[in-house]
Amino acid sequence: MSNLPNTINLEADTSGKMCSNSSGTNNEWNETKADEVYFIETKTKFNLHHCFRILARHPKWKSSVPAKKKESNSKVAASAPNPIGEGIDEEKFSARSAGRKFTKEQEATKRKQEKNVERLIALHSESIAKGDERKKLLKKTMESNVLVVNAIRETNAVLQRTQDIKVLLINTSLIADPVSRQMMLDLKKEV
């Protein structure tokens, strides 16, 4: 039924073309002629006569009907405007204000979007805070790792010095094998 205003508009235009009953015609004859014109223009059959008859008399559709202009050649004064909605423009449908329900739905949607934005901002700030905490923790871990590595290096250096001192304290004159004695002397030179 979302296409109903356009359909009413087209039906009103086509039935309005035959609005004044000429001799030998009536409303039913006008409706059949309007149906023929509608079928020619849209290639579909108009099936909403019951809706059209109800809505054509509704004040909403009557208020937007422009008054007919008098024809200069006409001797008879124009009677009341066409009750079936002749001349209703599609532009007037789009220009009407939004209803309460639609406005409330829009406001509710807007409030939901604002709440979602606030939640996203809160989540973002939380993630930034957590990221800062992670950076601080990582920095502390790196500093402690550097301290551990330095301590290991110092320990290794102390162990190496201890080994070097042991080598220097060995009496090479007590070594009987000349090859082993030469190796020990070379090692003492390196230390």
N, C-alpha and C. Protein backbone atom coordinates (compact mmCIF):
# COMPACT_ATOMS: atom_id res chain seq x y z
N MET A 1 0.81 -1.19 0.00
CA MET A 1 0.00 0.00 0.00
C MET A 1 0.86 1.26 0.00
N SER A 2 2.18 1.11 0.00
CA SER A 2 3.04 2.29 0.00
C SER A 2 2.91 3.06 -1.31
N ASN A 3 2.41 2.43 -2.33
CA ASN A 3 2.25 3.07 -3.63
C ASN A 3 0.85 3.65 -3.76
N LEU A 4 0.03 3.58 -2.70
CA LEU A 4 -1.35 4.01 -2.77
C LEU A 4 -1.50 5.49 -3.10
N PRO A 5 -0.73 6.44 -2.48
CA PRO A 5 -0.91 7.84 -2.85
C PRO A 5 -0.65 8.09 -4.33
N ASN A 6 0.36 7.45 -4.89
CA ASN A 6 0.63 7.63 -6.32
C ASN A 6 -0.51 7.07 -7.15
N THR A 7 -1.04 5.93 -6.70
CA THR A 7 -2.15 5.31 -7.41
C THR A 7 -3.38 6.19 -7.33
N ILE A 8 -3.66 6.72 -6.14
CA ILE A 8 -4.82 7.60 -5.99
C ILE A 8 -4.62 8.84 -6.85
N ASN A 9 -3.40 9.35 -6.87
CA ASN A 9 -3.11 10.53 -7.67
C ASN A 9 -3.39 10.25 -9.14
N LEU A 10 -2.89 9.14 -9.65
CA LEU A 10 -3.09 8.80 -11.05
C LEU A 10 -4.55 8.54 -11.34
N GLU A 11 -5.23 7.82 -10.44
CA GLU A 11 -6.65 7.53 -10.62
C GLU A 11 -7.45 8.82 -10.56
N ALA A 12 -7.07 9.72 -9.64
CA ALA A 12 -7.77 10.99 -9.54
C ALA A 12 -7.57 11.80 -10.81
N ASP A 13 -6.36 11.79 -11.33
CA ASP A 13 -6.11 12.53 -12.57
C ASP A 13 -6.91 11.95 -13.72
N THR A 14 -6.92 10.63 -13.82
CA THR A 14 -7.61 10.02 -14.96
C THR A 14 -9.11 10.12 -14.81
N SER A 15 -9.64 9.97 -13.58
CA SER A 15 -11.08 10.08 -13.44
C SER A 15 -11.50 11.53 -13.48
N GLY A 16 -10.60 12.43 -13.10
CA GLY A 16 -10.91 13.85 -13.14
C GLY A 16 -11.05 14.36 -14.55
N LYS A 17 -10.45 13.71 -15.50
CA LYS A 17 -10.56 14.13 -16.89
C LYS A 17 -12.00 14.00 -17.37
N MET A 18 -12.71 13.08 -16.73
CA MET A 18 -14.10 12.86 -17.12
C MET A 18 -15.00 13.20 -15.95
N CYS A 19 -14.67 14.24 -15.22
CA CYS A 19 -15.35 14.58 -13.98
C CYS A 19 -16.79 15.03 -14.21
N SER A 20 -16.98 15.92 -15.11
CA SER A 20 -18.35 16.41 -15.34
C SER A 20 -19.09 15.40 -16.20
N ASN A 21 -20.22 15.00 -15.68
CA ASN A 21 -21.01 13.99 -16.40
C ASN A 21 -21.69 14.64 -17.60
N SER A 22 -21.34 14.19 -18.75
CA SER A 22 -22.04 14.66 -19.93
C SER A 22 -23.32 13.85 -20.07
N SER A 23 -24.13 14.21 -20.99
CA SER A 23 -25.42 13.53 -21.08
C SER A 23 -25.21 12.06 -21.43
N GLY A 24 -25.93 11.19 -20.72
CA GLY A 24 -25.84 9.76 -20.96
C GLY A 24 -24.71 9.08 -20.21
N THR A 25 -24.03 9.78 -19.31
CA THR A 25 -22.94 9.16 -18.54
C THR A 25 -23.23 9.29 -17.05
N ASN A 26 -22.57 8.45 -16.26
CA ASN A 26 -22.69 8.51 -14.81
C ASN A 26 -21.32 8.22 -14.20
N ASN A 27 -21.25 8.13 -12.86
CA ASN A 27 -19.96 7.92 -12.18
C ASN A 27 -19.34 6.58 -12.55
N GLU A 28 -20.15 5.54 -12.69
CA GLU A 28 -19.61 4.22 -13.05
C GLU A 28 -18.96 4.26 -14.42
N TRP A 29 -19.63 4.94 -15.35
CA TRP A 29 -19.07 5.05 -16.69
C TRP A 29 -17.74 5.81 -16.63
N ASN A 30 -17.69 6.87 -15.81
CA ASN A 30 -16.45 7.64 -15.65
C ASN A 30 -15.35 6.77 -15.06
N GLU A 31 -15.70 5.92 -14.07
CA GLU A 31 -14.70 5.05 -13.46
C GLU A 31 -14.15 4.04 -14.46
N THR A 32 -15.00 3.49 -15.29
CA THR A 32 -14.51 2.53 -16.29
C THR A 32 -13.60 3.23 -17.29
N LYS A 33 -13.96 4.44 -17.69
CA LYS A 33 -13.09 5.18 -18.61
C LYS A 33 -11.75 5.51 -17.92
N ALA A 34 -11.82 5.90 -16.65
CA ALA A 34 -10.60 6.20 -15.90
C ALA A 34 -9.74 4.94 -15.78
N ASP A 35 -10.39 3.78 -15.57
CA ASP A 35 -9.64 2.52 -15.50
C ASP A 35 -8.93 2.24 -16.82
N GLU A 36 -9.61 2.53 -17.92
CA GLU A 36 -8.99 2.30 -19.23
C GLU A 36 -7.76 3.20 -19.40
N VAL A 37 -7.89 4.48 -19.04
CA VAL A 37 -6.77 5.40 -19.16
C VAL A 37 -5.63 4.97 -18.24
N TYR A 38 -5.98 4.55 -17.00
CA TYR A 38 -4.98 4.08 -16.04
C TYR A 38 -4.24 2.87 -16.60
N PHE A 39 -4.98 1.93 -17.20
CA PHE A 39 -4.37 0.73 -17.76
C PHE A 39 -3.43 1.09 -18.91
N ILE A 40 -3.84 2.04 -19.73
CA ILE A 40 -3.00 2.45 -20.86
C ILE A 40 -1.71 3.10 -20.36
N GLU A 41 -1.81 3.93 -19.31
CA GLU A 41 -0.63 4.64 -18.82
C GLU A 41 0.31 3.75 -18.00
N THR A 42 -0.24 2.81 -17.23
CA THR A 42 0.60 2.03 -16.31
C THR A 42 0.76 0.58 -16.71
N LYS A 43 -0.01 0.10 -17.65
CA LYS A 43 0.00 -1.30 -18.09
C LYS A 43 -0.38 -2.26 -16.96
N THR A 44 -1.10 -1.75 -15.96
CA THR A 44 -1.62 -2.60 -14.88
C THR A 44 -3.07 -2.21 -14.62
N LYS A 45 -3.81 -3.15 -14.05
CA LYS A 45 -5.21 -2.91 -13.76
C LYS A 45 -5.33 -2.27 -12.38
N PHE A 46 -6.24 -1.31 -12.24
CA PHE A 46 -6.46 -0.64 -10.97
C PHE A 46 -7.43 -1.48 -10.15
N ASN A 47 -6.94 -1.99 -8.99
CA ASN A 47 -7.75 -2.90 -8.17
C ASN A 47 -8.16 -2.30 -6.84
N LEU A 48 -7.95 -1.03 -6.65
CA LEU A 48 -8.21 -0.44 -5.34
C LEU A 48 -9.39 0.53 -5.36
N HIS A 49 -10.46 0.16 -6.05
CA HIS A 49 -11.62 1.05 -6.13
C HIS A 49 -12.22 1.30 -4.76
N HIS A 50 -12.30 0.27 -3.93
CA HIS A 50 -12.90 0.43 -2.60
C HIS A 50 -12.09 1.43 -1.77
N CYS A 51 -10.78 1.37 -1.85
CA CYS A 51 -9.93 2.32 -1.12
C CYS A 51 -10.07 3.72 -1.72
N PHE A 52 -10.12 3.78 -3.03
CA PHE A 52 -10.22 5.06 -3.70
C PHE A 52 -11.52 5.77 -3.34
N ARG A 53 -12.63 5.03 -3.29
CA ARG A 53 -13.93 5.64 -2.96
C ARG A 53 -13.92 6.19 -1.53
N ILE A 54 -13.26 5.48 -0.62
CA ILE A 54 -13.21 5.94 0.77
C ILE A 54 -12.28 7.14 0.89
N LEU A 55 -11.11 7.03 0.33
CA LEU A 55 -10.11 8.09 0.48
C LEU A 55 -10.44 9.34 -0.33
N ALA A 56 -11.20 9.20 -1.38
CA ALA A 56 -11.54 10.36 -2.21
C ALA A 56 -12.41 11.33 -1.43
N ARG A 57 -13.20 10.83 -0.48
CA ARG A 57 -14.07 11.69 0.32
C ARG A 57 -13.40 12.14 1.62
N HIS A 58 -12.23 11.65 1.89
CA HIS A 58 -11.53 11.98 3.14
C HIS A 58 -11.04 13.42 3.09
N PRO A 59 -11.15 14.16 4.20
CA PRO A 59 -10.75 15.57 4.20
C PRO A 59 -9.28 15.80 3.85
N LYS A 60 -8.44 14.83 4.16
CA LYS A 60 -7.02 14.99 3.85
C LYS A 60 -6.82 15.19 2.36
N TRP A 61 -7.56 14.46 1.56
CA TRP A 61 -7.40 14.54 0.12
C TRP A 61 -8.17 15.73 -0.43
N LYS A 62 -9.26 16.11 0.20
CA LYS A 62 -10.05 17.24 -0.28
C LYS A 62 -9.33 18.56 -0.05
N SER A 63 -8.60 18.67 1.08
CA SER A 63 -7.96 19.94 1.41
C SER A 63 -6.86 20.31 0.41
N SER A 64 -6.28 19.34 -0.22
CA SER A 64 -5.20 19.64 -1.15
C SER A 64 -5.67 19.80 -2.59
N VAL A 65 -6.98 19.76 -2.80
CA VAL A 65 -7.51 19.91 -4.16
C VAL A 65 -7.58 21.39 -4.47
N PRO A 66 -6.91 21.83 -5.52
CA PRO A 66 -6.98 23.25 -5.88
C PRO A 66 -8.35 23.57 -6.47
N ALA A 67 -8.78 24.79 -6.26
CA ALA A 67 -10.07 25.21 -6.80
C ALA A 67 -9.97 25.28 -8.32
N LYS A 68 -11.07 24.89 -8.95
CA LYS A 68 -11.08 24.93 -10.42
C LYS A 68 -11.16 26.37 -10.90
N LYS A 69 -10.52 26.61 -12.01
CA LYS A 69 -10.61 27.92 -12.63
C LYS A 69 -11.85 27.95 -13.51
N LYS A 70 -12.47 29.08 -13.54
CA LYS A 70 -13.63 29.22 -14.42
C LYS A 70 -13.14 29.30 -15.86
N GLU A 71 -13.86 28.60 -16.68
CA GLU A 71 -13.53 28.71 -18.10
C GLU A 71 -14.18 29.98 -18.63
N SER A 72 -13.48 30.66 -19.46
CA SER A 72 -14.00 31.93 -19.97
C SER A 72 -15.19 31.71 -20.91
N ASN A 73 -15.22 30.56 -21.58
CA ASN A 73 -16.30 30.29 -22.52
C ASN A 73 -17.52 29.69 -21.84
N SER A 74 -17.38 29.28 -20.59
CA SER A 74 -18.46 28.59 -19.90
C SER A 74 -19.49 29.60 -19.43
N LYS A 75 -20.75 29.27 -19.67
CA LYS A 75 -21.83 30.13 -19.21
C LYS A 75 -22.33 29.67 -17.85
N VAL A 76 -22.05 28.42 -17.52
CA VAL A 76 -22.51 27.87 -16.25
C VAL A 76 -21.38 28.03 -15.23
N ALA A 77 -21.74 28.47 -14.00
CA ALA A 77 -20.73 28.64 -12.95
C ALA A 77 -20.24 27.28 -12.50
N ALA A 78 -18.99 27.24 -12.13
CA ALA A 78 -18.41 25.97 -11.68
C ALA A 78 -19.00 25.61 -10.32
N SER A 79 -19.34 24.35 -10.16
CA SER A 79 -19.89 23.90 -8.88
C SER A 79 -18.75 23.60 -7.91
N ALA A 80 -19.03 22.84 -6.89
CA ALA A 80 -18.02 22.51 -5.86
C ALA A 80 -16.83 21.80 -6.51
N PRO A 81 -15.67 21.91 -5.87
CA PRO A 81 -14.50 21.22 -6.43
C PRO A 81 -14.71 19.71 -6.46
N ASN A 82 -13.93 19.08 -7.30
CA ASN A 82 -14.06 17.63 -7.51
C ASN A 82 -13.77 16.87 -6.22
N PRO A 83 -14.70 16.05 -5.74
CA PRO A 83 -14.48 15.34 -4.48
C PRO A 83 -13.54 14.16 -4.60
N ILE A 84 -13.22 13.73 -5.81
CA ILE A 84 -12.37 12.55 -5.93
C ILE A 84 -10.90 12.91 -6.04
N GLY A 85 -10.54 14.14 -5.80
CA GLY A 85 -9.13 14.49 -5.67
C GLY A 85 -8.45 14.87 -6.96
N GLU A 86 -9.13 15.60 -7.83
CA GLU A 86 -8.51 16.00 -9.09
C GLU A 86 -7.39 16.99 -8.82
N GLY A 87 -6.29 16.81 -9.52
CA GLY A 87 -5.19 17.76 -9.46
C GLY A 87 -4.29 17.62 -8.24
N ILE A 88 -4.34 16.53 -7.55
CA ILE A 88 -3.45 16.34 -6.40
C ILE A 88 -2.05 16.05 -6.94
N ASP A 89 -1.12 16.87 -6.56
CA ASP A 89 0.26 16.69 -7.03
C ASP A 89 1.02 15.79 -6.07
N GLU A 90 1.94 15.05 -6.64
CA GLU A 90 2.78 14.16 -5.82
C GLU A 90 3.71 14.99 -4.93
N GLU A 91 4.02 16.21 -5.36
CA GLU A 91 4.89 17.08 -4.57
C GLU A 91 4.26 17.42 -3.23
N LYS A 92 2.95 17.55 -3.20
CA LYS A 92 2.28 17.90 -1.95
C LYS A 92 2.36 16.76 -0.95
N PHE A 93 2.45 15.53 -1.43
CA PHE A 93 2.58 14.40 -0.51
C PHE A 93 3.93 14.45 0.19
N SER A 94 4.97 14.76 -0.55
CA SER A 94 6.30 14.76 0.03
C SER A 94 6.53 16.00 0.90
N ALA A 95 5.73 17.07 0.71
CA ALA A 95 5.92 18.29 1.45
C ALA A 95 5.23 18.27 2.81
N ARG A 96 4.38 17.30 3.06
CA ARG A 96 3.67 17.30 4.34
C ARG A 96 4.63 16.94 5.47
N SER A 97 4.29 17.41 6.65
CA SER A 97 5.18 17.19 7.79
C SER A 97 5.11 15.75 8.27
N ALA A 98 6.15 15.35 8.97
CA ALA A 98 6.22 13.98 9.48
C ALA A 98 5.24 13.82 10.63
N GLY A 99 4.71 12.63 10.77
CA GLY A 99 3.76 12.35 11.84
C GLY A 99 4.45 12.17 13.18
N ARG A 100 3.63 12.10 14.24
CA ARG A 100 4.18 11.95 15.58
C ARG A 100 4.95 10.65 15.73
N LYS A 101 4.37 9.57 15.24
CA LYS A 101 5.01 8.26 15.39
C LYS A 101 6.38 8.27 14.71
N PHE A 102 6.42 8.80 13.49
CA PHE A 102 7.68 8.86 12.75
C PHE A 102 8.69 9.74 13.48
N THR A 103 8.22 10.88 14.00
CA THR A 103 9.10 11.78 14.73
C THR A 103 9.64 11.12 15.99
N LYS A 104 8.76 10.42 16.72
CA LYS A 104 9.20 9.71 17.93
C LYS A 104 10.21 8.62 17.59
N GLU A 105 9.96 7.90 16.50
CA GLU A 105 10.90 6.86 16.08
C GLU A 105 12.26 7.47 15.74
N GLN A 106 12.23 8.61 15.06
CA GLN A 106 13.49 9.28 14.71
C GLN A 106 14.23 9.73 15.97
N GLU A 107 13.48 10.28 16.94
CA GLU A 107 14.11 10.72 18.18
C GLU A 107 14.69 9.53 18.94
N ALA A 108 13.93 8.41 18.98
CA ALA A 108 14.42 7.21 19.67
C ALA A 108 15.68 6.69 18.99
N THR A 109 15.67 6.68 17.67
CA THR A 109 16.85 6.24 16.92
C THR A 109 18.04 7.16 17.20
N LYS A 110 17.77 8.45 17.26
CA LYS A 110 18.84 9.42 17.53
C LYS A 110 19.41 9.20 18.94
N ARG A 111 18.51 8.97 19.93
CA ARG A 111 18.98 8.71 21.30
C ARG A 111 19.82 7.44 21.35
N LYS A 112 19.38 6.39 20.65
CA LYS A 112 20.14 5.14 20.63
C LYS A 112 21.52 5.37 20.02
N GLN A 113 21.56 6.14 18.93
CA GLN A 113 22.85 6.41 18.29
C GLN A 113 23.76 7.21 19.22
N GLU A 114 23.18 8.18 19.94
CA GLU A 114 23.99 8.96 20.88
C GLU A 114 24.53 8.08 22.00
N LYS A 115 23.69 7.17 22.52
CA LYS A 115 24.15 6.24 23.55
C LYS A 115 25.26 5.35 23.01
N ASN A 116 25.09 4.87 21.80
CA ASN A 116 26.13 4.02 21.19
C ASN A 116 27.43 4.79 21.02
N VAL A 117 27.34 6.05 20.61
CA VAL A 117 28.54 6.87 20.45
C VAL A 117 29.22 7.07 21.81
N GLU A 118 28.40 7.33 22.85
CA GLU A 118 28.97 7.50 24.19
C GLU A 118 29.66 6.21 24.65
N ARG A 119 29.03 5.08 24.38
CA ARG A 119 29.64 3.79 24.74
C ARG A 119 30.96 3.59 24.00
N LEU A 120 30.96 3.91 22.71
CA LEU A 120 32.19 3.76 21.93
C LEU A 120 33.30 4.67 22.46
N ILE A 121 32.93 5.89 22.83
CA ILE A 121 33.93 6.81 23.38
C ILE A 121 34.48 6.26 24.69
N ALA A 122 33.57 5.74 25.55
CA ALA A 122 34.01 5.17 26.83
C ALA A 122 34.92 3.96 26.60
N LEU A 123 34.52 3.08 25.67
CA LEU A 123 35.35 1.91 25.36
C LEU A 123 36.71 2.33 24.81
N HIS A 124 36.70 3.34 23.96
CA HIS A 124 37.95 3.83 23.38
C HIS A 124 38.87 4.39 24.46
N SER A 125 38.30 5.18 25.37
CA SER A 125 39.14 5.75 26.44
C SER A 125 39.65 4.64 27.37
N GLU A 126 38.80 3.61 27.62
CA GLU A 126 39.26 2.48 28.43
C GLU A 126 40.40 1.74 27.74
N SER A 127 40.26 1.54 26.43
CA SER A 127 41.32 0.83 25.71
C SER A 127 42.61 1.65 25.69
N ILE A 128 42.48 2.96 25.61
CA ILE A 128 43.67 3.82 25.66
C ILE A 128 44.33 3.70 27.03
N ALA A 129 43.50 3.72 28.09
CA ALA A 129 44.05 3.60 29.45
C ALA A 129 44.73 2.24 29.62
N LYS A 130 44.09 1.19 29.12
CA LYS A 130 44.70 -0.14 29.21
C LYS A 130 45.99 -0.20 28.40
N GLY A 131 45.98 0.45 27.26
CA GLY A 131 47.20 0.50 26.43
C GLY A 131 48.32 1.21 27.16
N ASP A 132 47.98 2.31 27.84
CA ASP A 132 49.00 3.02 28.62
C ASP A 132 49.54 2.14 29.74
N GLU A 133 48.64 1.41 30.40
CA GLU A 133 49.08 0.50 31.47
C GLU A 133 49.99 -0.58 30.90
N ARG A 134 49.62 -1.10 29.74
CA ARG A 134 50.45 -2.14 29.10
C ARG A 134 51.83 -1.59 28.76
N LYS A 135 51.86 -0.35 28.26
CA LYS A 135 53.14 0.26 27.92
C LYS A 135 54.02 0.41 29.16
N LYS A 136 53.40 0.86 30.26
CA LYS A 136 54.17 1.01 31.50
C LYS A 136 54.69 -0.34 31.98
N LEU A 137 53.82 -1.35 31.94
CA LEU A 137 54.22 -2.69 32.37
C LEU A 137 55.33 -3.24 31.48
N LEU A 138 55.18 -3.04 30.17
CA LEU A 138 56.20 -3.50 29.23
C LEU A 138 57.53 -2.78 29.48
N LYS A 139 57.45 -1.47 29.77
CA LYS A 139 58.67 -0.71 30.04
C LYS A 139 59.36 -1.23 31.30
N LYS A 140 58.56 -1.51 32.34
CA LYS A 140 59.14 -2.06 33.57
C LYS A 140 59.77 -3.43 33.32
N THR A 141 59.08 -4.25 32.52
CA THR A 141 59.61 -5.58 32.19
C THR A 141 60.92 -5.45 31.44
N MET A 142 60.98 -4.54 30.48
CA MET A 142 62.21 -4.34 29.71
C MET A 142 63.34 -3.86 30.62
N GLU A 143 63.04 -2.94 31.53
CA GLU A 143 64.06 -2.44 32.45
C GLU A 143 64.57 -3.57 33.34
N SER A 144 63.65 -4.40 33.84
CA SER A 144 64.09 -5.52 34.69
C SER A 144 64.90 -6.52 33.88
N ASN A 145 64.53 -6.75 32.62
CA ASN A 145 65.30 -7.65 31.75
C ASN A 145 66.71 -7.11 31.53
N VAL A 146 66.81 -5.80 31.35
CA VAL A 146 68.14 -5.19 31.17
C VAL A 146 68.97 -5.39 32.43
N LEU A 147 68.35 -5.21 33.59
CA LEU A 147 69.07 -5.42 34.85
C LEU A 147 69.53 -6.87 34.99
N VAL A 148 68.66 -7.81 34.61
CA VAL A 148 69.02 -9.23 34.69
C VAL A 148 70.18 -9.53 33.75
N VAL A 149 70.12 -9.02 32.53
CA VAL A 149 71.19 -9.26 31.56
C VAL A 149 72.50 -8.67 32.08
N ASN A 150 72.43 -7.47 32.63
CA ASN A 150 73.65 -6.86 33.18
C ASN A 150 74.21 -7.69 34.34
N ALA A 151 73.33 -8.19 35.18
CA ALA A 151 73.78 -9.03 36.31
C ALA A 151 74.42 -10.31 35.80
N ILE A 152 73.84 -10.92 34.77
CA ILE A 152 74.41 -12.14 34.19
C ILE A 152 75.78 -11.85 33.59
N ARG A 153 75.92 -10.71 32.92
CA ARG A 153 77.21 -10.34 32.33
C ARG A 153 78.27 -10.15 33.43
N GLU A 154 77.85 -9.47 34.48
CA GLU A 154 78.80 -9.27 35.58
C GLU A 154 79.21 -10.60 36.21
N THR A 155 78.24 -11.50 36.38
CA THR A 155 78.54 -12.82 36.94
C THR A 155 79.49 -13.57 36.04
N ASN A 156 79.22 -13.53 34.75
CA ASN A 156 80.11 -14.21 33.79
C ASN A 156 81.51 -13.60 33.81
N ALA A 157 81.57 -12.29 33.94
CA ALA A 157 82.88 -11.63 34.00
C ALA A 157 83.64 -12.06 35.25
N VAL A 158 82.92 -12.15 36.36
CA VAL A 158 83.56 -12.59 37.61
C VAL A 158 84.05 -14.02 37.47
N LEU A 159 83.22 -14.88 36.87
CA LEU A 159 83.63 -16.28 36.67
C LEU A 159 84.84 -16.36 35.74
N GLN A 160 84.86 -15.54 34.72
CA GLN A 160 85.99 -15.54 33.79
C GLN A 160 87.26 -15.08 34.50
N ARG A 161 87.15 -14.06 35.33
CA ARG A 161 88.32 -13.59 36.08
C ARG A 161 88.83 -14.67 37.03
N THR A 162 87.87 -15.37 37.63
CA THR A 162 88.27 -16.47 38.52
C THR A 162 89.03 -17.53 37.76
N GLN A 163 88.55 -17.88 36.58
CA GLN A 163 89.24 -18.88 35.75
C GLN A 163 90.62 -18.37 35.34
N ASP A 164 90.67 -17.09 34.99
CA ASP A 164 91.95 -16.51 34.58
C ASP A 164 92.97 -16.55 35.74
N ILE A 165 92.49 -16.24 36.92
CA ILE A 165 93.38 -16.26 38.09
C ILE A 165 93.89 -17.68 38.35
N LYS A 166 93.00 -18.65 38.19
CA LYS A 166 93.42 -20.05 38.38
C LYS A 166 94.51 -20.42 37.38
N VAL A 167 94.35 -19.96 36.14
CA VAL A 167 95.35 -20.26 35.11
C VAL A 167 96.67 -19.60 35.46
N LEU A 168 96.60 -18.36 35.92
CA LEU A 168 97.83 -17.64 36.27
C LEU A 168 98.55 -18.27 37.48
N LEU A 169 97.82 -18.86 38.36
CA LEU A 169 98.42 -19.44 39.57
C LEU A 169 99.03 -20.83 39.35
N ILE A 170 98.80 -21.40 38.21
CA ILE A 170 99.37 -22.74 37.94
C ILE A 170 100.88 -22.60 37.73
N ASN A 171 101.62 -23.48 38.37
CA ASN A 171 103.08 -23.51 38.23
C ASN A 171 103.41 -24.37 37.01
N THR A 172 103.90 -23.75 35.96
CA THR A 172 104.19 -24.45 34.71
C THR A 172 105.45 -25.29 34.80
N SER A 173 106.31 -25.02 35.74
CA SER A 173 107.55 -25.80 35.87
C SER A 173 107.29 -27.21 36.36
N LEU A 174 106.11 -27.41 36.98
CA LEU A 174 105.77 -28.74 37.47
C LEU A 174 105.16 -29.62 36.38
N ILE A 175 104.84 -29.05 35.22
CA ILE A 175 104.24 -29.84 34.15
C ILE A 175 105.36 -30.55 33.41
N ALA A 176 105.27 -31.89 33.35
CA ALA A 176 106.32 -32.72 32.77
C ALA A 176 106.26 -32.72 31.25
N ASP A 177 105.10 -32.75 30.70
CA ASP A 177 104.93 -32.84 29.24
C ASP A 177 105.25 -31.49 28.62
N PRO A 178 106.23 -31.42 27.66
CA PRO A 178 106.61 -30.14 27.07
C PRO A 178 105.47 -29.51 26.26
N VAL A 179 104.63 -30.30 25.62
CA VAL A 179 103.53 -29.75 24.79
C VAL A 179 102.50 -29.11 25.72
N SER A 180 102.14 -29.77 26.78
CA SER A 180 101.17 -29.24 27.73
C SER A 180 101.72 -28.00 28.41
N ARG A 181 103.02 -28.01 28.72
CA ARG A 181 103.64 -26.86 29.34
C ARG A 181 103.57 -25.66 28.40
N GLN A 182 103.86 -25.87 27.11
CA GLN A 182 103.82 -24.78 26.13
C GLN A 182 102.39 -24.23 26.00
N MET A 183 101.39 -25.12 26.01
CA MET A 183 99.98 -24.68 25.92
C MET A 183 99.63 -23.81 27.13
N MET A 184 100.06 -24.19 28.29
CA MET A 184 99.77 -23.44 29.50
C MET A 184 100.46 -22.08 29.47
N LEU A 185 101.70 -22.03 28.96
CA LEU A 185 102.41 -20.76 28.83
C LEU A 185 101.70 -19.83 27.84
N ASP A 186 101.26 -20.39 26.75
CA ASP A 186 100.50 -19.59 25.76
C ASP A 186 99.21 -19.05 26.37
N LEU A 187 98.54 -19.89 27.15
CA LEU A 187 97.30 -19.48 27.78
C LEU A 187 97.55 -18.36 28.80
N LYS A 188 98.64 -18.42 29.52
CA LYS A 188 98.99 -17.36 30.47
C LYS A 188 99.26 -16.05 29.74
N LYS A 189 99.87 -16.13 28.53
CA LYS A 189 100.13 -14.92 27.76
C LYS A 189 98.82 -14.25 27.31
N GLU A 190 97.84 -15.07 26.97
CA GLU A 190 96.55 -14.52 26.51
C GLU A 190 95.82 -13.81 27.65
N VAL A 191 95.99 -14.37 28.85
CA VAL A 191 95.29 -13.79 30.00
C VAL A 191 96.00 -12.54 30.39
